[in-house]
Amino acid sequence: IMIHYLVIGHACDEEQEWQFTDSDKELTDDFLEEKFRKCSLEELGYDEDSSKEVYIDFIFKSNSPIEINYG
């Protein structure tokens, strides 16, 4: 069974963003937060050792795919 995750957060002084992750096993919040942090900093052009703060707003977990409606 596939588990679907949606992490919503933002880097300091930046727009909110989200990241989808699917896994066939349970993932910890710490793992999801670190993955989001690394990807967020990389997208913004920062080194992962940067002191720029990244904040997690929500972590959603579902047994069915998660969709975001933009309308």
PDB file of N, CA and C in Angstrom:
ATOM      1  N   ILE A   1       0.847  -1.190   0.000  1.00  0.00           N
ATOM      2  CA  ILE A   1       0.000   0.000   0.000  1.00  0.00           C
ATOM      3  C   ILE A   1       0.886   1.245   0.000  1.00  0.00           C
ATOM      4  N   MET A   2       0.511   2.205  -0.812  1.00  0.00           N
ATOM      5  CA  MET A   2       1.295   3.427  -0.940  1.00  0.00           C
ATOM      6  C   MET A   2       0.767   4.477   0.034  1.00  0.00           C
ATOM      7  N   ILE A   3       1.685   5.179   0.693  1.00  0.00           N
ATOM      8  CA  ILE A   3       1.332   6.272   1.588  1.00  0.00           C
ATOM      9  C   ILE A   3       1.744   7.572   0.898  1.00  0.00           C
ATOM     10  N   HIS A   4       0.848   8.544   0.904  1.00  0.00           N
ATOM     11  CA  HIS A   4       1.074   9.815   0.223  1.00  0.00           C
ATOM     12  C   HIS A   4       1.221  10.924   1.264  1.00  0.00           C
ATOM     13  N   TYR A   5       2.239  11.763   1.071  1.00  0.00           N
ATOM     14  CA  TYR A   5       2.509  12.865   1.994  1.00  0.00           C
ATOM     15  C   TYR A   5       2.518  14.180   1.230  1.00  0.00           C
ATOM     16  N   LEU A   6       2.048  15.219   1.890  1.00  0.00           N
ATOM     17  CA  LEU A   6       2.136  16.582   1.367  1.00  0.00           C
ATOM     18  C   LEU A   6       2.699  17.443   2.482  1.00  0.00           C
ATOM     19  N   VAL A   7       3.852  18.047   2.230  1.00  0.00           N
ATOM     20  CA  VAL A   7       4.483  18.940   3.207  1.00  0.00           C
ATOM     21  C   VAL A   7       4.337  20.362   2.680  1.00  0.00           C
ATOM     22  N   ILE A   8       3.828  21.248   3.531  1.00  0.00           N
ATOM     23  CA  ILE A   8       3.665  22.659   3.173  1.00  0.00           C
ATOM     24  C   ILE A   8       4.508  23.480   4.140  1.00  0.00           C
ATOM     25  N   GLY A   9       5.309  24.384   3.600  1.00  0.00           N
ATOM     26  CA  GLY A   9       6.157  25.216   4.441  1.00  0.00           C
ATOM     27  C   GLY A   9       6.736  26.363   3.645  1.00  0.00           C
ATOM     28  N   HIS A  10       7.686  27.052   4.251  1.00  0.00           N
ATOM     29  CA  HIS A  10       8.309  28.188   3.575  1.00  0.00           C
ATOM     30  C   HIS A  10       9.652  28.513   4.220  1.00  0.00           C
ATOM     31  N   ALA A  11      10.532  29.057   3.404  1.00  0.00           N
ATOM     32  CA  ALA A  11      11.797  29.585   3.918  1.00  0.00           C
ATOM     33  C   ALA A  11      11.532  31.014   4.378  1.00  0.00           C
ATOM     34  N   CYS A  12      12.310  31.480   5.315  1.00  0.00           N
ATOM     35  CA  CYS A  12      12.166  32.831   5.871  1.00  0.00           C
ATOM     36  C   CYS A  12      12.131  33.870   4.746  1.00  0.00           C
ATOM     37  N   ASP A  13      11.130  34.740   4.783  1.00  0.00           N
ATOM     38  CA  ASP A  13      10.962  35.807   3.794  1.00  0.00           C
ATOM     39  C   ASP A  13      10.689  35.297   2.381  1.00  0.00           C
ATOM     40  N   GLU A  14      10.182  34.084   2.246  1.00  0.00           N
ATOM     41  CA  GLU A  14       9.899  33.512   0.927  1.00  0.00           C
ATOM     42  C   GLU A  14       8.439  33.063   0.865  1.00  0.00           C
ATOM     43  N   GLU A  15       7.971  32.791  -0.355  1.00  0.00           N
ATOM     44  CA  GLU A  15       6.612  32.311  -0.572  1.00  0.00           C
ATOM     45  C   GLU A  15       6.446  30.899  -0.018  1.00  0.00           C
ATOM     46  N   GLN A  16       5.211  30.571   0.362  1.00  0.00           N
ATOM     47  CA  GLN A  16       4.911  29.215   0.809  1.00  0.00           C
ATOM     48  C   GLN A  16       5.041  28.270  -0.383  1.00  0.00           C
ATOM     49  N   GLU A  17       5.504  27.060  -0.117  1.00  0.00           N
ATOM     50  CA  GLU A  17       5.627  26.060  -1.165  1.00  0.00           C
ATOM     51  C   GLU A  17       5.246  24.703  -0.608  1.00  0.00           C
ATOM     52  N   TRP A  18       5.129  23.725  -1.481  1.00  0.00           N
ATOM     53  CA  TRP A  18       4.750  22.397  -1.032  1.00  0.00           C
ATOM     54  C   TRP A  18       5.560  21.340  -1.755  1.00  0.00           C
ATOM     55  N   GLN A  19       5.539  20.135  -1.180  1.00  0.00           N
ATOM     56  CA  GLN A  19       6.290  19.016  -1.736  1.00  0.00           C
ATOM     57  C   GLN A  19       5.490  17.739  -1.511  1.00  0.00           C
ATOM     58  N   PHE A  20       5.309  16.967  -2.588  1.00  0.00           N
ATOM     59  CA  PHE A  20       4.652  15.674  -2.494  1.00  0.00           C
ATOM     60  C   PHE A  20       5.705  14.585  -2.343  1.00  0.00           C
ATOM     61  N   THR A  21       5.410  13.588  -1.533  1.00  0.00           N
ATOM     62  CA  THR A  21       6.272  12.417  -1.393  1.00  0.00           C
ATOM     63  C   THR A  21       5.373  11.195  -1.274  1.00  0.00           C
ATOM     64  N   ASP A  22       5.683  10.143  -2.021  1.00  0.00           N
ATOM     65  CA  ASP A  22       4.971   8.875  -1.920  1.00  0.00           C
ATOM     66  C   ASP A  22       5.955   7.818  -1.437  1.00  0.00           C
ATOM     67  N   SER A  23       5.468   6.894  -0.621  1.00  0.00           N
ATOM     68  CA  SER A  23       6.345   5.852  -0.094  1.00  0.00           C
ATOM     69  C   SER A  23       5.531   4.598   0.186  1.00  0.00           C
ATOM     70  N   ASP A  24       6.186   3.453   0.058  1.00  0.00           N
ATOM     71  CA  ASP A  24       5.509   2.205   0.400  1.00  0.00           C
ATOM     72  C   ASP A  24       5.715   1.847   1.866  1.00  0.00           C
ATOM     73  N   LYS A  25       6.384   2.735   2.614  1.00  0.00           N
ATOM     74  CA  LYS A  25       6.533   2.535   4.057  1.00  0.00           C
ATOM     75  C   LYS A  25       6.329   3.867   4.779  1.00  0.00           C
ATOM     76  N   GLU A  26       6.059   3.794   6.056  1.00  0.00           N
ATOM     77  CA  GLU A  26       5.821   4.974   6.890  1.00  0.00           C
ATOM     78  C   GLU A  26       7.093   5.831   6.973  1.00  0.00           C
ATOM     79  N   LEU A  27       6.957   7.130   6.746  1.00  0.00           N
ATOM     80  CA  LEU A  27       8.081   8.054   6.864  1.00  0.00           C
ATOM     81  C   LEU A  27       7.878   8.917   8.101  1.00  0.00           C
ATOM     82  N   THR A  28       8.970   9.269   8.771  1.00  0.00           N
ATOM     83  CA  THR A  28       8.865  10.095   9.974  1.00  0.00           C
ATOM     84  C   THR A  28       8.739  11.565   9.592  1.00  0.00           C
ATOM     85  N   ASP A  29       8.156  12.347  10.493  1.00  0.00           N
ATOM     86  CA  ASP A  29       8.075  13.791  10.280  1.00  0.00           C
ATOM     87  C   ASP A  29       9.467  14.387  10.134  1.00  0.00           C
ATOM     88  N   ASP A  30      10.426  13.905  10.936  1.00  0.00           N
ATOM     89  CA  ASP A  30      11.798  14.420  10.855  1.00  0.00           C
ATOM     90  C   ASP A  30      12.374  14.222   9.461  1.00  0.00           C
ATOM     91  N   PHE A  31      12.155  13.028   8.883  1.00  0.00           N
ATOM     92  CA  PHE A  31      12.646  12.746   7.536  1.00  0.00           C
ATOM     93  C   PHE A  31      12.001  13.683   6.522  1.00  0.00           C
ATOM     94  N   LEU A  32      10.665  13.832   6.600  1.00  0.00           N
ATOM     95  CA  LEU A  32       9.934  14.686   5.662  1.00  0.00           C
ATOM     96  C   LEU A  32      10.355  16.145   5.790  1.00  0.00           C
ATOM     97  N   GLU A  33      10.546  16.607   7.026  1.00  0.00           N
ATOM     98  CA  GLU A  33      10.971  17.990   7.262  1.00  0.00           C
ATOM     99  C   GLU A  33      12.361  18.241   6.684  1.00  0.00           C
ATOM    100  N   GLU A  34      13.278  17.316   6.886  1.00  0.00           N
ATOM    101  CA  GLU A  34      14.642  17.487   6.382  1.00  0.00           C
ATOM    102  C   GLU A  34      14.661  17.461   4.853  1.00  0.00           C
ATOM    103  N   LYS A  35      13.877  16.565   4.256  1.00  0.00           N
ATOM    104  CA  LYS A  35      13.786  16.494   2.794  1.00  0.00           C
ATOM    105  C   LYS A  35      13.246  17.816   2.241  1.00  0.00           C
ATOM    106  N   PHE A  36      12.189  18.335   2.861  1.00  0.00           N
ATOM    107  CA  PHE A  36      11.607  19.611   2.429  1.00  0.00           C
ATOM    108  C   PHE A  36      12.625  20.732   2.569  1.00  0.00           C
ATOM    109  N   ARG A  37      13.320  20.766   3.704  1.00  0.00           N
ATOM    110  CA  ARG A  37      14.316  21.818   3.965  1.00  0.00           C
ATOM    111  C   ARG A  37      15.405  21.819   2.891  1.00  0.00           C
ATOM    112  N   LYS A  38      15.955  20.631   2.604  1.00  0.00           N
ATOM    113  CA  LYS A  38      17.029  20.531   1.608  1.00  0.00           C
ATOM    114  C   LYS A  38      16.548  20.982   0.231  1.00  0.00           C
ATOM    115  N   CYS A  39      15.380  20.502  -0.180  1.00  0.00           N
ATOM    116  CA  CYS A  39      14.849  20.862  -1.499  1.00  0.00           C
ATOM    117  C   CYS A  39      14.518  22.350  -1.581  1.00  0.00           C
ATOM    118  N   SER A  40      13.944  22.886  -0.523  1.00  0.00           N
ATOM    119  CA  SER A  40      13.581  24.296  -0.492  1.00  0.00           C
ATOM    120  C   SER A  40      14.819  25.181  -0.616  1.00  0.00           C
ATOM    121  N   LEU A  41      15.843  24.891   0.165  1.00  0.00           N
ATOM    122  CA  LEU A  41      17.082  25.681   0.098  1.00  0.00           C
ATOM    123  C   LEU A  41      17.737  25.559  -1.269  1.00  0.00           C
ATOM    124  N   GLU A  42      17.747  24.351  -1.828  1.00  0.00           N
ATOM    125  CA  GLU A  42      18.355  24.129  -3.138  1.00  0.00           C
ATOM    126  C   GLU A  42      17.633  24.943  -4.217  1.00  0.00           C
ATOM    127  N   GLU A  43      16.291  24.932  -4.182  1.00  0.00           N
ATOM    128  CA  GLU A  43      15.515  25.702  -5.163  1.00  0.00           C
ATOM    129  C   GLU A  43      15.804  27.193  -5.071  1.00  0.00           C
ATOM    130  N   LEU A  44      16.062  27.676  -3.863  1.00  0.00           N
ATOM    131  CA  LEU A  44      16.333  29.100  -3.657  1.00  0.00           C
ATOM    132  C   LEU A  44      17.800  29.458  -3.885  1.00  0.00           C
ATOM    133  N   GLY A  45      18.644  28.453  -4.169  1.00  0.00           N
ATOM    134  CA  GLY A  45      20.050  28.710  -4.442  1.00  0.00           C
ATOM    135  C   GLY A  45      20.932  28.763  -3.208  1.00  0.00           C
ATOM    136  N   TYR A  46      20.440  28.224  -2.098  1.00  0.00           N
ATOM    137  CA  TYR A  46      21.228  28.204  -0.864  1.00  0.00           C
ATOM    138  C   TYR A  46      21.877  26.843  -0.666  1.00  0.00           C
ATOM    139  N   ASP A  47      22.998  26.841   0.016  1.00  0.00           N
ATOM    140  CA  ASP A  47      23.671  25.619   0.415  1.00  0.00           C
ATOM    141  C   ASP A  47      22.863  24.984   1.547  1.00  0.00           C
ATOM    142  N   GLU A  48      22.863  23.651   1.648  1.00  0.00           N
ATOM    143  CA  GLU A  48      22.083  23.011   2.714  1.00  0.00           C
ATOM    144  C   GLU A  48      22.628  23.325   4.104  1.00  0.00           C
ATOM    145  N   ASP A  49      23.846  23.844   4.183  1.00  0.00           N
ATOM    146  CA  ASP A  49      24.415  24.265   5.465  1.00  0.00           C
ATOM    147  C   ASP A  49      24.084  25.722   5.782  1.00  0.00           C
ATOM    148  N   SER A  50      23.265  26.332   4.925  1.00  0.00           N
ATOM    149  CA  SER A  50      22.891  27.734   5.109  1.00  0.00           C
ATOM    150  C   SER A  50      22.151  27.932   6.433  1.00  0.00           C
ATOM    151  N   SER A  51      22.268  29.130   6.979  1.00  0.00           N
ATOM    152  CA  SER A  51      21.559  29.444   8.219  1.00  0.00           C
ATOM    153  C   SER A  51      20.144  29.953   7.935  1.00  0.00           C
ATOM    154  N   LYS A  52      19.734  29.990   6.656  1.00  0.00           N
ATOM    155  CA  LYS A  52      18.382  30.443   6.304  1.00  0.00           C
ATOM    156  C   LYS A  52      17.367  29.478   6.909  1.00  0.00           C
ATOM    157  N   GLU A  53      16.428  30.025   7.660  1.00  0.00           N
ATOM    158  CA  GLU A  53      15.416  29.202   8.332  1.00  0.00           C
ATOM    159  C   GLU A  53      14.357  28.717   7.353  1.00  0.00           C
ATOM    160  N   VAL A  54      13.954  27.457   7.505  1.00  0.00           N
ATOM    161  CA  VAL A  54      12.855  26.884   6.740  1.00  0.00           C
ATOM    162  C   VAL A  54      11.827  26.395   7.748  1.00  0.00           C
ATOM    163  N   TYR A  55      10.589  26.800   7.557  1.00  0.00           N
ATOM    164  CA  TYR A  55       9.515  26.473   8.490  1.00  0.00           C
ATOM    165  C   TYR A  55       8.530  25.502   7.856  1.00  0.00           C
ATOM    166  N   ILE A  56       8.118  24.504   8.621  1.00  0.00           N
ATOM    167  CA  ILE A  56       7.105  23.551   8.175  1.00  0.00           C
ATOM    168  C   ILE A  56       5.770  24.016   8.743  1.00  0.00           C
ATOM    169  N   ASP A  57       4.790  24.225   7.863  1.00  0.00           N
ATOM    170  CA  ASP A  57       3.471  24.670   8.300  1.00  0.00           C
ATOM    171  C   ASP A  57       2.538  23.480   8.554  1.00  0.00           C
ATOM    172  N   PHE A  58       2.552  22.525   7.634  1.00  0.00           N
ATOM    173  CA  PHE A  58       1.674  21.359   7.756  1.00  0.00           C
ATOM    174  C   PHE A  58       2.339  20.152   7.132  1.00  0.00           C
ATOM    175  N   ILE A  59       2.014  18.967   7.669  1.00  0.00           N
ATOM    176  CA  ILE A  59       2.357  17.695   7.031  1.00  0.00           C
ATOM    177  C   ILE A  59       1.068  16.888   6.970  1.00  0.00           C
ATOM    178  N   PHE A  60       0.637  16.572   5.754  1.00  0.00           N
ATOM    179  CA  PHE A  60      -0.559  15.766   5.561  1.00  0.00           C
ATOM    180  C   PHE A  60      -0.150  14.371   5.124  1.00  0.00           C
ATOM    181  N   LYS A  61      -0.862  13.370   5.609  1.00  0.00           N
ATOM    182  CA  LYS A  61      -0.594  11.975   5.277  1.00  0.00           C
ATOM    183  C   LYS A  61      -1.905  11.347   4.836  1.00  0.00           C
ATOM    184  N   SER A  62      -1.875  10.578   3.741  1.00  0.00           N
ATOM    185  CA  SER A  62      -3.093   9.987   3.220  1.00  0.00           C
ATOM    186  C   SER A  62      -2.806   8.630   2.585  1.00  0.00           C
ATOM    187  N   ASN A  63      -3.823   7.761   2.599  1.00  0.00           N
ATOM    188  CA  ASN A  63      -3.710   6.473   1.905  1.00  0.00           C
ATOM    189  C   ASN A  63      -4.102   6.595   0.443  1.00  0.00           C
ATOM    190  N   SER A  64      -4.667   7.729   0.056  1.00  0.00           N
ATOM    191  CA  SER A  64      -5.010   7.966  -1.345  1.00  0.00           C
ATOM    192  C   SER A  64      -4.254   9.207  -1.819  1.00  0.00           C
ATOM    193  N   PRO A  65      -4.030   9.331  -3.126  1.00  0.00           N
ATOM    194  CA  PRO A  65      -3.276  10.476  -3.648  1.00  0.00           C
ATOM    195  C   PRO A  65      -3.877  11.806  -3.197  1.00  0.00           C
ATOM    196  N   ILE A  66      -3.014  12.772  -2.949  1.00  0.00           N
ATOM    197  CA  ILE A  66      -3.412  14.104  -2.507  1.00  0.00           C
ATOM    198  C   ILE A  66      -3.346  15.038  -3.701  1.00  0.00           C
ATOM    199  N   GLU A  67      -4.405  15.816  -3.883  1.00  0.00           N
ATOM    200  CA  GLU A  67      -4.434  16.782  -4.983  1.00  0.00           C
ATOM    201  C   GLU A  67      -4.621  18.177  -4.422  1.00  0.00           C
ATOM    202  N   ILE A  68      -4.053  19.157  -5.093  1.00  0.00           N
ATOM    203  CA  ILE A  68      -4.253  20.556  -4.733  1.00  0.00           C
ATOM    204  C   ILE A  68      -5.092  21.182  -5.842  1.00  0.00           C
ATOM    205  N   ASN A  69      -6.212  21.774  -5.455  1.00  0.00           N
ATOM    206  CA  ASN A  69      -7.057  22.478  -6.423  1.00  0.00           C
ATOM    207  C   ASN A  69      -6.714  23.958  -6.377  1.00  0.00           C
ATOM    208  N   TYR A  70      -6.404  24.520  -7.515  1.00  0.00           N
ATOM    209  CA  TYR A  70      -5.977  25.915  -7.591  1.00  0.00           C
ATOM    210  C   TYR A  70      -7.118  26.871  -7.846  1.00  0.00           C
ATOM    211  N   GLY A  71      -8.364  26.383  -7.896  1.00  0.00           N
ATOM    212  CA  GLY A  71      -9.482  27.225  -8.300  1.00  0.00           C
ATOM    213  C   GLY A  71     -10.178  27.791  -7.154  1.00  0.00           C
TER     214      GLY A  71
END
